[in-house]
Every structure is written in C-alpha cells, then in structure tokens.
Amino acid sequence: MVTRSFTKLAAAVGGLGLSLFAGAGIASADPAIDSAINTTCSYPQVVAALNAQSPAAAAKFNNSAMAQGWLRSFLASPPPQRAQMAQQAEGMPGAAQYIGLIGQIAGTCNSF
C-alpha cells in the first residue's frame, strides 16, 4: 500500500520538476515551487537529479509507482495545471520536508 509520505514525495518531486521547466510565470509564495512549476527538465533529468541529491528520497520514489506516475503527469502538464498540482501537494501533511530538496533538484536537473 502506498502511503501518504510517498504521495507527498511525489508531489515534492513533481514540484521540483516544475521548477526545472522554465515556462510561464505562475506565482506562488515559495521560490522552490515556482521554479518547479516553470522547469524545462525532463522526467529522466529530474529523476537523475533526485538520485544524486538525495539517495534516500530517491529510493522511496523509485519504489512508488504512484509517485512516479504523479511526477510524469506533473511534468507533462502545462504550468497552470502544475501550479494547481503543487498547491494540492503543499497542503499534504509532511510535504514541507521536501521543499528544500525540490529547490536543490530544480537548480541542478538541467545538468543531468
């Protein structure tokens, strides 16, 4: 059974993916989330950055088909939909612990 922590991780990773797609400027209160919403990184780039930045979080992500599906959906969505997805994810208990990681991944995924 997939737990909420995996969903939160997926949301955070999705948020990170958004930060890597430099697209339309969707405003939010958190620069890490903004950069995730506007990311230009691909799914493989985001996953590679996640593996490099946080092997423990990457292990959880890699074992969750739900988290992987969420990230794929997030990255395939236009920025306004990503903003909505990120906002929903931010409201989940425990998601805040991944915001810093999202910012790190968003800042480095173009290198992968």
PDB file of N, CA and C in Angstrom:
ATOM      1  N   MET A   1       0.838  -1.177   0.000  1.00  0.00           N
ATOM      2  CA  MET A   1       0.000   0.000   0.000  1.00  0.00           C
ATOM      3  C   MET A   1       0.880   1.236   0.000  1.00  0.00           C
ATOM      4  N   VAL A   2       0.551   2.175  -0.850  1.00  0.00           N
ATOM      5  CA  VAL A   2       1.325   3.408  -0.947  1.00  0.00           C
ATOM      6  C   VAL A   2       0.851   4.353   0.145  1.00  0.00           C
ATOM      7  N   THR A   3       1.777   4.904   0.881  1.00  0.00           N
ATOM      8  CA  THR A   3       1.423   5.785   1.983  1.00  0.00           C
ATOM      9  C   THR A   3       1.363   7.230   1.523  1.00  0.00           C
ATOM     10  N   ARG A   4       0.854   8.062   2.404  1.00  0.00           N
ATOM     11  CA  ARG A   4       0.787   9.485   2.097  1.00  0.00           C
ATOM     12  C   ARG A   4       2.178  10.080   1.933  1.00  0.00           C
ATOM     13  N   SER A   5       3.165   9.518   2.620  1.00  0.00           N
ATOM     14  CA  SER A   5       4.515  10.050   2.503  1.00  0.00           C
ATOM     15  C   SER A   5       5.019   9.880   1.080  1.00  0.00           C
ATOM     16  N   PHE A   6       4.644   8.790   0.415  1.00  0.00           N
ATOM     17  CA  PHE A   6       5.030   8.622  -0.981  1.00  0.00           C
ATOM     18  C   PHE A   6       4.315   9.639  -1.848  1.00  0.00           C
ATOM     19  N   THR A   7       3.067   9.904  -1.542  1.00  0.00           N
ATOM     20  CA  THR A   7       2.318  10.895  -2.289  1.00  0.00           C
ATOM     21  C   THR A   7       2.946  12.269  -2.096  1.00  0.00           C
ATOM     22  N   LYS A   8       3.351  12.554  -0.876  1.00  0.00           N
ATOM     23  CA  LYS A   8       3.995  13.828  -0.579  1.00  0.00           C
ATOM     24  C   LYS A   8       5.327  13.932  -1.314  1.00  0.00           C
ATOM     25  N   LEU A   9       6.061  12.825  -1.315  1.00  0.00           N
ATOM     26  CA  LEU A   9       7.331  12.806  -2.026  1.00  0.00           C
ATOM     27  C   LEU A   9       7.090  13.035  -3.506  1.00  0.00           C
ATOM     28  N   ALA A  10       6.080  12.388  -4.041  1.00  0.00           N
ATOM     29  CA  ALA A  10       5.754  12.569  -5.454  1.00  0.00           C
ATOM     30  C   ALA A  10       5.399  14.017  -5.736  1.00  0.00           C
ATOM     31  N   ALA A  11       4.628  14.599  -4.850  1.00  0.00           N
ATOM     32  CA  ALA A  11       4.242  15.990  -5.017  1.00  0.00           C
ATOM     33  C   ALA A  11       5.467  16.882  -4.958  1.00  0.00           C
ATOM     34  N   ALA A  12       6.346  16.609  -4.038  1.00  0.00           N
ATOM     35  CA  ALA A  12       7.551  17.404  -3.912  1.00  0.00           C
ATOM     36  C   ALA A  12       8.443  17.239  -5.120  1.00  0.00           C
ATOM     37  N   VAL A  13       8.594  16.009  -5.550  1.00  0.00           N
ATOM     38  CA  VAL A  13       9.419  15.756  -6.729  1.00  0.00           C
ATOM     39  C   VAL A  13       8.772  16.392  -7.941  1.00  0.00           C
ATOM     40  N   GLY A  14       7.459  16.311  -8.015  1.00  0.00           N
ATOM     41  CA  GLY A  14       6.740  16.972  -9.095  1.00  0.00           C
ATOM     42  C   GLY A  14       6.966  18.464  -9.043  1.00  0.00           C
ATOM     43  N   GLY A  15       6.951  19.006  -7.849  1.00  0.00           N
ATOM     44  CA  GLY A  15       7.235  20.423  -7.677  1.00  0.00           C
ATOM     45  C   GLY A  15       8.630  20.753  -8.128  1.00  0.00           C
ATOM     46  N   LEU A  16       9.537  19.858  -7.851  1.00  0.00           N
ATOM     47  CA  LEU A  16      10.905  20.041  -8.296  1.00  0.00           C
ATOM     48  C   LEU A  16      10.947  20.023  -9.810  1.00  0.00           C
ATOM     49  N   GLY A  17      10.249  19.100 -10.404  1.00  0.00           N
ATOM     50  CA  GLY A  17      10.188  19.019 -11.854  1.00  0.00           C
ATOM     51  C   GLY A  17       9.654  20.300 -12.439  1.00  0.00           C
ATOM     52  N   LEU A  18       8.690  20.881 -11.790  1.00  0.00           N
ATOM     53  CA  LEU A  18       8.127  22.136 -12.256  1.00  0.00           C
ATOM     54  C   LEU A  18       9.168  23.238 -12.240  1.00  0.00           C
ATOM     55  N   SER A  19       9.984  23.252 -11.233  1.00  0.00           N
ATOM     56  CA  SER A  19      10.978  24.308 -11.127  1.00  0.00           C
ATOM     57  C   SER A  19      12.006  24.218 -12.237  1.00  0.00           C
ATOM     58  N   LEU A  20      12.121  23.071 -12.838  1.00  0.00           N
ATOM     59  CA  LEU A  20      13.099  22.885 -13.884  1.00  0.00           C
ATOM     60  C   LEU A  20      12.565  23.259 -15.257  1.00  0.00           C
ATOM     61  N   PHE A  21      11.270  23.387 -15.378  1.00  0.00           N
ATOM     62  CA  PHE A  21      10.677  23.773 -16.656  1.00  0.00           C
ATOM     63  C   PHE A  21      10.515  25.279 -16.678  1.00  0.00           C
ATOM     64  N   ALA A  22      11.352  25.967 -17.422  1.00  0.00           N
ATOM     65  CA  ALA A  22      11.252  27.431 -17.479  1.00  0.00           C
ATOM     66  C   ALA A  22      10.137  27.794 -18.434  1.00  0.00           C
ATOM     67  N   GLY A  23       8.979  28.050 -17.871  1.00  0.00           N
ATOM     68  CA  GLY A  23       7.815  28.353 -18.689  1.00  0.00           C
ATOM     69  C   GLY A  23       7.144  29.614 -18.210  1.00  0.00           C
ATOM     70  N   ALA A  24       5.830  29.619 -18.284  1.00  0.00           N
ATOM     71  CA  ALA A  24       5.047  30.784 -17.879  1.00  0.00           C
ATOM     72  C   ALA A  24       5.261  31.071 -16.405  1.00  0.00           C
ATOM     73  N   GLY A  25       5.234  32.313 -16.046  1.00  0.00           N
ATOM     74  CA  GLY A  25       5.462  32.702 -14.662  1.00  0.00           C
ATOM     75  C   GLY A  25       4.225  32.560 -13.804  1.00  0.00           C
ATOM     76  N   ILE A  26       4.087  31.442 -13.157  1.00  0.00           N
ATOM     77  CA  ILE A  26       2.987  31.218 -12.232  1.00  0.00           C
ATOM     78  C   ILE A  26       3.508  31.594 -10.849  1.00  0.00           C
ATOM     79  N   ALA A  27       2.784  32.469 -10.171  1.00  0.00           N
ATOM     80  CA  ALA A  27       3.273  32.962  -8.888  1.00  0.00           C
ATOM     81  C   ALA A  27       2.821  32.079  -7.732  1.00  0.00           C
ATOM     82  N   SER A  28       3.721  31.866  -6.805  1.00  0.00           N
ATOM     83  CA  SER A  28       3.384  31.195  -5.551  1.00  0.00           C
ATOM     84  C   SER A  28       4.225  31.848  -4.466  1.00  0.00           C
ATOM     85  N   ALA A  29       4.008  31.412  -3.240  1.00  0.00           N
ATOM     86  CA  ALA A  29       4.730  32.007  -2.122  1.00  0.00           C
ATOM     87  C   ALA A  29       6.120  31.417  -1.945  1.00  0.00           C
ATOM     88  N   ASP A  30       6.443  30.344  -2.631  1.00  0.00           N
ATOM     89  CA  ASP A  30       7.712  29.660  -2.433  1.00  0.00           C
ATOM     90  C   ASP A  30       8.516  29.605  -3.731  1.00  0.00           C
ATOM     91  N   PRO A  31       9.714  30.205  -3.754  1.00  0.00           N
ATOM     92  CA  PRO A  31      10.541  30.201  -4.970  1.00  0.00           C
ATOM     93  C   PRO A  31      10.887  28.792  -5.451  1.00  0.00           C
ATOM     94  N   ALA A  32      11.044  27.831  -4.539  1.00  0.00           N
ATOM     95  CA  ALA A  32      11.351  26.453  -4.948  1.00  0.00           C
ATOM     96  C   ALA A  32      10.196  25.877  -5.753  1.00  0.00           C
ATOM     97  N   ILE A  33       8.982  26.160  -5.330  1.00  0.00           N
ATOM     98  CA  ILE A  33       7.807  25.669  -6.043  1.00  0.00           C
ATOM     99  C   ILE A  33       7.659  26.402  -7.367  1.00  0.00           C
ATOM    100  N   ASP A  34       7.909  27.704  -7.369  1.00  0.00           N
ATOM    101  CA  ASP A  34       7.839  28.476  -8.616  1.00  0.00           C
ATOM    102  C   ASP A  34       8.780  27.895  -9.659  1.00  0.00           C
ATOM    103  N   SER A  35       9.996  27.592  -9.256  1.00  0.00           N
ATOM    104  CA  SER A  35      10.955  27.068 -10.220  1.00  0.00           C
ATOM    105  C   SER A  35      10.542  25.681 -10.695  1.00  0.00           C
ATOM    106  N   ALA A  36       9.904  24.903  -9.845  1.00  0.00           N
ATOM    107  CA  ALA A  36       9.422  23.585 -10.257  1.00  0.00           C
ATOM    108  C   ALA A  36       8.297  23.733 -11.281  1.00  0.00           C
ATOM    109  N   ILE A  37       7.415  24.661 -11.044  1.00  0.00           N
ATOM    110  CA  ILE A  37       6.291  24.886 -11.948  1.00  0.00           C
ATOM    111  C   ILE A  37       6.779  25.300 -13.330  1.00  0.00           C
ATOM    112  N   ASN A  38       7.870  26.005 -13.385  1.00  0.00           N
ATOM    113  CA  ASN A  38       8.371  26.545 -14.648  1.00  0.00           C
ATOM    114  C   ASN A  38       9.576  25.793 -15.216  1.00  0.00           C
ATOM    115  N   THR A  39       9.826  24.602 -14.755  1.00  0.00           N
ATOM    116  CA  THR A  39      11.008  23.849 -15.166  1.00  0.00           C
ATOM    117  C   THR A  39      10.991  23.447 -16.644  1.00  0.00           C
ATOM    118  N   THR A  40      12.164  23.254 -17.191  1.00  0.00           N
ATOM    119  CA  THR A  40      12.309  22.749 -18.561  1.00  0.00           C
ATOM    120  C   THR A  40      12.942  21.358 -18.543  1.00  0.00           C
ATOM    121  N   CYS A  41      13.159  20.816 -17.368  1.00  0.00           N
ATOM    122  CA  CYS A  41      13.786  19.495 -17.241  1.00  0.00           C
ATOM    123  C   CYS A  41      12.811  18.379 -17.609  1.00  0.00           C
ATOM    124  N   SER A  42      13.381  17.317 -18.117  1.00  0.00           N
ATOM    125  CA  SER A  42      12.602  16.128 -18.459  1.00  0.00           C
ATOM    126  C   SER A  42      12.495  15.218 -17.236  1.00  0.00           C
ATOM    127  N   TYR A  43      11.634  14.238 -17.343  1.00  0.00           N
ATOM    128  CA  TYR A  43      11.490  13.251 -16.264  1.00  0.00           C
ATOM    129  C   TYR A  43      12.832  12.575 -15.950  1.00  0.00           C
ATOM    130  N   PRO A  44      13.565  12.080 -16.970  1.00  0.00           N
ATOM    131  CA  PRO A  44      14.859  11.449 -16.656  1.00  0.00           C
ATOM    132  C   PRO A  44      15.838  12.411 -15.966  1.00  0.00           C
ATOM    133  N   GLN A  45      15.829  13.677 -16.343  1.00  0.00           N
ATOM    134  CA  GLN A  45      16.718  14.648 -15.703  1.00  0.00           C
ATOM    135  C   GLN A  45      16.341  14.853 -14.237  1.00  0.00           C
ATOM    136  N   VAL A  46      15.047  14.966 -13.963  1.00  0.00           N
ATOM    137  CA  VAL A  46      14.591  15.180 -12.596  1.00  0.00           C
ATOM    138  C   VAL A  46      14.941  13.965 -11.728  1.00  0.00           C
ATOM    139  N   VAL A  47      14.703  12.775 -12.258  1.00  0.00           N
ATOM    140  CA  VAL A  47      15.000  11.559 -11.501  1.00  0.00           C
ATOM    141  C   VAL A  47      16.507  11.437 -11.258  1.00  0.00           C
ATOM    142  N   ALA A  48      17.314  11.761 -12.251  1.00  0.00           N
ATOM    143  CA  ALA A  48      18.772  11.706 -12.076  1.00  0.00           C
ATOM    144  C   ALA A  48      19.219  12.702 -11.011  1.00  0.00           C
ATOM    145  N   ALA A  49      18.651  13.894 -11.038  1.00  0.00           N
ATOM    146  CA  ALA A  49      18.996  14.895 -10.026  1.00  0.00           C
ATOM    147  C   ALA A  49      18.553  14.431  -8.642  1.00  0.00           C
ATOM    148  N   LEU A  50      17.374  13.839  -8.557  1.00  0.00           N
ATOM    149  CA  LEU A  50      16.884  13.318  -7.278  1.00  0.00           C
ATOM    150  C   LEU A  50      17.815  12.236  -6.753  1.00  0.00           C
ATOM    151  N   ASN A  51      18.221  11.315  -7.617  1.00  0.00           N
ATOM    152  CA  ASN A  51      19.139  10.253  -7.208  1.00  0.00           C
ATOM    153  C   ASN A  51      20.460  10.817  -6.702  1.00  0.00           C
ATOM    154  N   ALA A  52      20.948  11.867  -7.340  1.00  0.00           N
ATOM    155  CA  ALA A  52      22.211  12.477  -6.944  1.00  0.00           C
ATOM    156  C   ALA A  52      22.081  13.304  -5.658  1.00  0.00           C
ATOM    157  N   GLN A  53      20.966  14.028  -5.502  1.00  0.00           N
ATOM    158  CA  GLN A  53      20.793  14.945  -4.374  1.00  0.00           C
ATOM    159  C   GLN A  53      20.362  14.254  -3.087  1.00  0.00           C
ATOM    160  N   SER A  54      19.526  13.218  -3.223  1.00  0.00           N
ATOM    161  CA  SER A  54      19.005  12.565  -2.030  1.00  0.00           C
ATOM    162  C   SER A  54      18.720  11.094  -2.308  1.00  0.00           C
ATOM    163  N   PRO A  55      19.736  10.241  -2.164  1.00  0.00           N
ATOM    164  CA  PRO A  55      19.530   8.812  -2.415  1.00  0.00           C
ATOM    165  C   PRO A  55      18.400   8.206  -1.581  1.00  0.00           C
ATOM    166  N   ALA A  56      18.206   8.665  -0.355  1.00  0.00           N
ATOM    167  CA  ALA A  56      17.137   8.109   0.483  1.00  0.00           C
ATOM    168  C   ALA A  56      15.763   8.460  -0.079  1.00  0.00           C
ATOM    169  N   ALA A  57      15.565   9.722  -0.447  1.00  0.00           N
ATOM    170  CA  ALA A  57      14.287  10.127  -1.042  1.00  0.00           C
ATOM    171  C   ALA A  57      14.107   9.447  -2.394  1.00  0.00           C
ATOM    172  N   ALA A  58      15.182   9.303  -3.140  1.00  0.00           N
ATOM    173  CA  ALA A  58      15.121   8.645  -4.450  1.00  0.00           C
ATOM    174  C   ALA A  58      14.717   7.185  -4.296  1.00  0.00           C
ATOM    175  N   ALA A  59      15.203   6.517  -3.266  1.00  0.00           N
ATOM    176  CA  ALA A  59      14.843   5.117  -3.040  1.00  0.00           C
ATOM    177  C   ALA A  59      13.344   4.988  -2.791  1.00  0.00           C
ATOM    178  N   LYS A  60      12.783   5.883  -1.983  1.00  0.00           N
ATOM    179  CA  LYS A  60      11.336   5.875  -1.733  1.00  0.00           C
ATOM    180  C   LYS A  60      10.582   6.136  -3.035  1.00  0.00           C
ATOM    181  N   PHE A  61      11.048   7.132  -3.770  1.00  0.00           N
ATOM    182  CA  PHE A  61      10.403   7.485  -5.039  1.00  0.00           C
ATOM    183  C   PHE A  61      10.460   6.321  -6.030  1.00  0.00           C
ATOM    184  N   ASN A  62      11.614   5.716  -6.161  1.00  0.00           N
ATOM    185  CA  ASN A  62      11.797   4.627  -7.125  1.00  0.00           C
ATOM    186  C   ASN A  62      10.973   3.385  -6.788  1.00  0.00           C
ATOM    187  N   ASN A  63      10.553   3.261  -5.537  1.00  0.00           N
ATOM    188  CA  ASN A  63       9.725   2.132  -5.118  1.00  0.00           C
ATOM    189  C   ASN A  63       8.237   2.459  -5.120  1.00  0.00           C
ATOM    190  N   SER A  64       7.862   3.618  -5.621  1.00  0.00           N
ATOM    191  CA  SER A  64       6.463   4.023  -5.619  1.00  0.00           C
ATOM    192  C   SER A  64       5.982   4.332  -7.038  1.00  0.00           C
ATOM    193  N   ALA A  65       5.214   3.415  -7.581  1.00  0.00           N
ATOM    194  CA  ALA A  65       4.640   3.646  -8.913  1.00  0.00           C
ATOM    195  C   ALA A  65       3.729   4.868  -8.896  1.00  0.00           C
ATOM    196  N   MET A  66       3.061   5.108  -7.780  1.00  0.00           N
ATOM    197  CA  MET A  66       2.184   6.269  -7.669  1.00  0.00           C
ATOM    198  C   MET A  66       2.978   7.571  -7.744  1.00  0.00           C
ATOM    199  N   ALA A  67       4.085   7.632  -7.042  1.00  0.00           N
ATOM    200  CA  ALA A  67       4.928   8.827  -7.070  1.00  0.00           C
ATOM    201  C   ALA A  67       5.492   9.052  -8.472  1.00  0.00           C
ATOM    202  N   GLN A  68       5.929   7.989  -9.117  1.00  0.00           N
ATOM    203  CA  GLN A  68       6.480   8.106 -10.472  1.00  0.00           C
ATOM    204  C   GLN A  68       5.416   8.588 -11.445  1.00  0.00           C
ATOM    205  N   GLY A  69       4.210   8.048 -11.319  1.00  0.00           N
ATOM    206  CA  GLY A  69       3.106   8.478 -12.188  1.00  0.00           C
ATOM    207  C   GLY A  69       2.746   9.926 -11.957  1.00  0.00           C
ATOM    208  N   TRP A  70       2.759  10.340 -10.696  1.00  0.00           N
ATOM    209  CA  TRP A  70       2.439  11.730 -10.382  1.00  0.00           C
ATOM    210  C   TRP A  70       3.466  12.666 -11.021  1.00  0.00           C
ATOM    211  N   LEU A  71       4.733  12.314 -10.902  1.00  0.00           N
ATOM    212  CA  LEU A  71       5.774  13.163 -11.476  1.00  0.00           C
ATOM    213  C   LEU A  71       5.667  13.229 -12.991  1.00  0.00           C
ATOM    214  N   ARG A  72       5.417  12.100 -13.621  1.00  0.00           N
ATOM    215  CA  ARG A  72       5.247  12.093 -15.085  1.00  0.00           C
ATOM    216  C   ARG A  72       4.084  13.003 -15.486  1.00  0.00           C
ATOM    217  N   SER A  73       2.987  12.894 -14.767  1.00  0.00           N
ATOM    218  CA  SER A  73       1.813  13.717 -15.049  1.00  0.00           C
ATOM    219  C   SER A  73       2.123  15.197 -14.826  1.00  0.00           C
ATOM    220  N   PHE A  74       2.801  15.476 -13.751  1.00  0.00           N
ATOM    221  CA  PHE A  74       3.180  16.844 -13.412  1.00  0.00           C
ATOM    222  C   PHE A  74       4.028  17.472 -14.514  1.00  0.00           C
ATOM    223  N   LEU A  75       5.053  16.759 -14.950  1.00  0.00           N
ATOM    224  CA  LEU A  75       5.962  17.289 -15.957  1.00  0.00           C
ATOM    225  C   LEU A  75       5.303  17.405 -17.329  1.00  0.00           C
ATOM    226  N   ALA A  76       4.293  16.582 -17.588  1.00  0.00           N
ATOM    227  CA  ALA A  76       3.585  16.622 -18.868  1.00  0.00           C
ATOM    228  C   ALA A  76       2.510  17.710 -18.903  1.00  0.00           C
ATOM    229  N   SER A  77       2.210  18.298 -17.760  1.00  0.00           N
ATOM    230  CA  SER A  77       1.150  19.303 -17.652  1.00  0.00           C
ATOM    231  C   SER A  77       1.679  20.705 -17.950  1.00  0.00           C
ATOM    232  N   PRO A  78       0.794  21.588 -18.402  1.00  0.00           N
ATOM    233  CA  PRO A  78       1.190  22.991 -18.591  1.00  0.00           C
ATOM    234  C   PRO A  78       1.353  23.669 -17.224  1.00  0.00           C
ATOM    235  N   PRO A  79       2.103  24.764 -17.164  1.00  0.00           N
ATOM    236  CA  PRO A  79       2.355  25.438 -15.882  1.00  0.00           C
ATOM    237  C   PRO A  79       1.121  25.733 -15.029  1.00  0.00           C
ATOM    238  N   PRO A  80       0.001  26.185 -15.601  1.00  0.00           N
ATOM    239  CA  PRO A  80      -1.145  26.436 -14.715  1.00  0.00           C
ATOM    240  C   PRO A  80      -1.634  25.162 -13.997  1.00  0.00           C
ATOM    241  N   GLN A  81      -1.614  24.050 -14.691  1.00  0.00           N
ATOM    242  CA  GLN A  81      -2.022  22.795 -14.059  1.00  0.00           C
ATOM    243  C   GLN A  81      -0.973  22.335 -13.051  1.00  0.00           C
ATOM    244  N   ARG A  82       0.293  22.549 -13.354  1.00  0.00           N
ATOM    245  CA  ARG A  82       1.360  22.215 -12.403  1.00  0.00           C
ATOM    246  C   ARG A  82       1.200  23.015 -11.127  1.00  0.00           C
ATOM    247  N   ALA A  83       0.857  24.293 -11.282  1.00  0.00           N
ATOM    248  CA  ALA A  83       0.666  25.140 -10.102  1.00  0.00           C
ATOM    249  C   ALA A  83      -0.448  24.589  -9.229  1.00  0.00           C
ATOM    250  N   GLN A  84      -1.513  24.130  -9.848  1.00  0.00           N
ATOM    251  CA  GLN A  84      -2.623  23.554  -9.104  1.00  0.00           C
ATOM    252  C   GLN A  84      -2.188  22.263  -8.411  1.00  0.00           C
ATOM    253  N   MET A  85      -1.449  21.428  -9.125  1.00  0.00           N
ATOM    254  CA  MET A  85      -0.968  20.171  -8.550  1.00  0.00           C
ATOM    255  C   MET A  85      -0.021  20.438  -7.380  1.00  0.00           C
ATOM    256  N   ALA A  86       0.849  21.422  -7.543  1.00  0.00           N
ATOM    257  CA  ALA A  86       1.802  21.766  -6.481  1.00  0.00           C
ATOM    258  C   ALA A  86       1.069  22.304  -5.259  1.00  0.00           C
ATOM    259  N   GLN A  87       0.045  23.123  -5.498  1.00  0.00           N
ATOM    260  CA  GLN A  87      -0.727  23.681  -4.387  1.00  0.00           C
ATOM    261  C   GLN A  87      -1.414  22.559  -3.607  1.00  0.00           C
ATOM    262  N   GLN A  88      -1.962  21.592  -4.309  1.00  0.00           N
ATOM    263  CA  GLN A  88      -2.595  20.460  -3.643  1.00  0.00           C
ATOM    264  C   GLN A  88      -1.562  19.673  -2.840  1.00  0.00           C
ATOM    265  N   ALA A  89      -0.391  19.485  -3.410  1.00  0.00           N
ATOM    266  CA  ALA A  89       0.659  18.726  -2.737  1.00  0.00           C
ATOM    267  C   ALA A  89       1.160  19.456  -1.494  1.00  0.00           C
ATOM    268  N   GLU A  90       1.270  20.774  -1.571  1.00  0.00           N
ATOM    269  CA  GLU A  90       1.740  21.549  -0.429  1.00  0.00           C
ATOM    270  C   GLU A  90       0.811  21.416   0.764  1.00  0.00           C
ATOM    271  N   GLY A  91      -0.465  21.164   0.505  1.00  0.00           N
ATOM    272  CA  GLY A  91      -1.434  21.031   1.574  1.00  0.00           C
ATOM    273  C   GLY A  91      -1.392  19.689   2.291  1.00  0.00           C
ATOM    274  N   MET A  92      -0.580  18.775   1.800  1.00  0.00           N
ATOM    275  CA  MET A  92      -0.500  17.447   2.405  1.00  0.00           C
ATOM    276  C   MET A  92       0.456  17.463   3.589  1.00  0.00           C
ATOM    277  N   PRO A  93       0.063  16.806   4.682  1.00  0.00           N
ATOM    278  CA  PRO A  93       0.962  16.740   5.847  1.00  0.00           C
ATOM    279  C   PRO A  93       2.298  16.098   5.465  1.00  0.00           C
ATOM    280  N   GLY A  94       3.373  16.713   5.884  1.00  0.00           N
ATOM    281  CA  GLY A  94       4.702  16.163   5.631  1.00  0.00           C
ATOM    282  C   GLY A  94       5.351  16.624   4.347  1.00  0.00           C
ATOM    283  N   ALA A  95       4.605  17.279   3.484  1.00  0.00           N
ATOM    284  CA  ALA A  95       5.158  17.705   2.204  1.00  0.00           C
ATOM    285  C   ALA A  95       6.226  18.788   2.386  1.00  0.00           C
ATOM    286  N   ALA A  96       6.097  19.593   3.418  1.00  0.00           N
ATOM    287  CA  ALA A  96       7.033  20.687   3.654  1.00  0.00           C
ATOM    288  C   ALA A  96       8.470  20.205   3.783  1.00  0.00           C
ATOM    289  N   GLN A  97       8.671  18.988   4.274  1.00  0.00           N
ATOM    290  CA  GLN A  97      10.030  18.487   4.447  1.00  0.00           C
ATOM    291  C   GLN A  97      10.753  18.321   3.118  1.00  0.00           C
ATOM    292  N   TYR A  98      10.029  18.291   2.012  1.00  0.00           N
ATOM    293  CA  TYR A  98      10.646  18.089   0.707  1.00  0.00           C
ATOM    294  C   TYR A  98      10.867  19.382  -0.080  1.00  0.00           C
ATOM    295  N   ILE A  99      10.405  20.512   0.428  1.00  0.00           N
ATOM    296  CA  ILE A  99      10.511  21.777  -0.301  1.00  0.00           C
ATOM    297  C   ILE A  99      11.970  22.134  -0.588  1.00  0.00           C
ATOM    298  N   GLY A 100      12.842  21.998   0.386  1.00  0.00           N
ATOM    299  CA  GLY A 100      14.261  22.301   0.172  1.00  0.00           C
ATOM    300  C   GLY A 100      14.871  21.403  -0.882  1.00  0.00           C
ATOM    301  N   LEU A 101      14.522  20.138  -0.842  1.00  0.00           N
ATOM    302  CA  LEU A 101      15.023  19.186  -1.830  1.00  0.00           C
ATOM    303  C   LEU A 101      14.537  19.559  -3.227  1.00  0.00           C
ATOM    304  N   ILE A 102      13.299  19.984  -3.318  1.00  0.00           N
ATOM    305  CA  ILE A 102      12.741  20.400  -4.605  1.00  0.00           C
ATOM    306  C   ILE A 102      13.558  21.555  -5.168  1.00  0.00           C
ATOM    307  N   GLY A 103      13.894  22.499  -4.321  1.00  0.00           N
ATOM    308  CA  GLY A 103      14.704  23.630  -4.765  1.00  0.00           C
ATOM    309  C   GLY A 103      16.072  23.199  -5.265  1.00  0.00           C
ATOM    310  N   GLN A 104      16.686  22.248  -4.565  1.00  0.00           N
ATOM    311  CA  GLN A 104      18.002  21.733  -4.986  1.00  0.00           C
ATOM    312  C   GLN A 104      17.896  21.041  -6.338  1.00  0.00           C
ATOM    313  N   ILE A 105      16.902  20.212  -6.491  1.00  0.00           N
ATOM    314  CA  ILE A 105      16.737  19.459  -7.737  1.00  0.00           C
ATOM    315  C   ILE A 105      16.427  20.403  -8.894  1.00  0.00           C
ATOM    316  N   ALA A 106      15.570  21.369  -8.630  1.00  0.00           N
ATOM    317  CA  ALA A 106      15.212  22.336  -9.667  1.00  0.00           C
ATOM    318  C   ALA A 106      16.438  23.116 -10.148  1.00  0.00           C
ATOM    319  N   GLY A 107      17.337  23.367  -9.230  1.00  0.00           N
ATOM    320  CA  GLY A 107      18.520  24.129  -9.575  1.00  0.00           C
ATOM    321  C   GLY A 107      19.610  23.335 -10.276  1.00  0.00           C
ATOM    322  N   THR A 108      19.500  22.026 -10.271  1.00  0.00           N
ATOM    323  CA  THR A 108      20.563  21.204 -10.835  1.00  0.00           C
ATOM    324  C   THR A 108      20.128  20.253 -11.940  1.00  0.00           C
ATOM    325  N   CYS A 109      18.850  20.039 -12.139  1.00  0.00           N
ATOM    326  CA  CYS A 109      18.402  18.990 -13.076  1.00  0.00           C
ATOM    327  C   CYS A 109      18.827  19.243 -14.524  1.00  0.00           C
ATOM    328  N   ASN A 110      19.017  20.481 -14.897  1.00  0.00           N
ATOM    329  CA  ASN A 110      19.455  20.762 -16.272  1.00  0.00           C
ATOM    330  C   ASN A 110      20.872  20.258 -16.536  1.00  0.00           C
ATOM    331  N   SER A 111      21.582  19.898 -15.479  1.00  0.00           N
ATOM    332  CA  SER A 111      22.941  19.369 -15.616  1.00  0.00           C
ATOM    333  C   SER A 111      22.966  17.867 -15.819  1.00  0.00           C
ATOM    334  N   PHE A 112      21.810  17.234 -15.772  1.00  0.00           N
ATOM    335  CA  PHE A 112      21.751  15.772 -15.895  1.00  0.00           C
ATOM    336  C   PHE A 112      21.194  15.356 -17.235  1.00  0.00           C
TER     337      PHE A 112
END
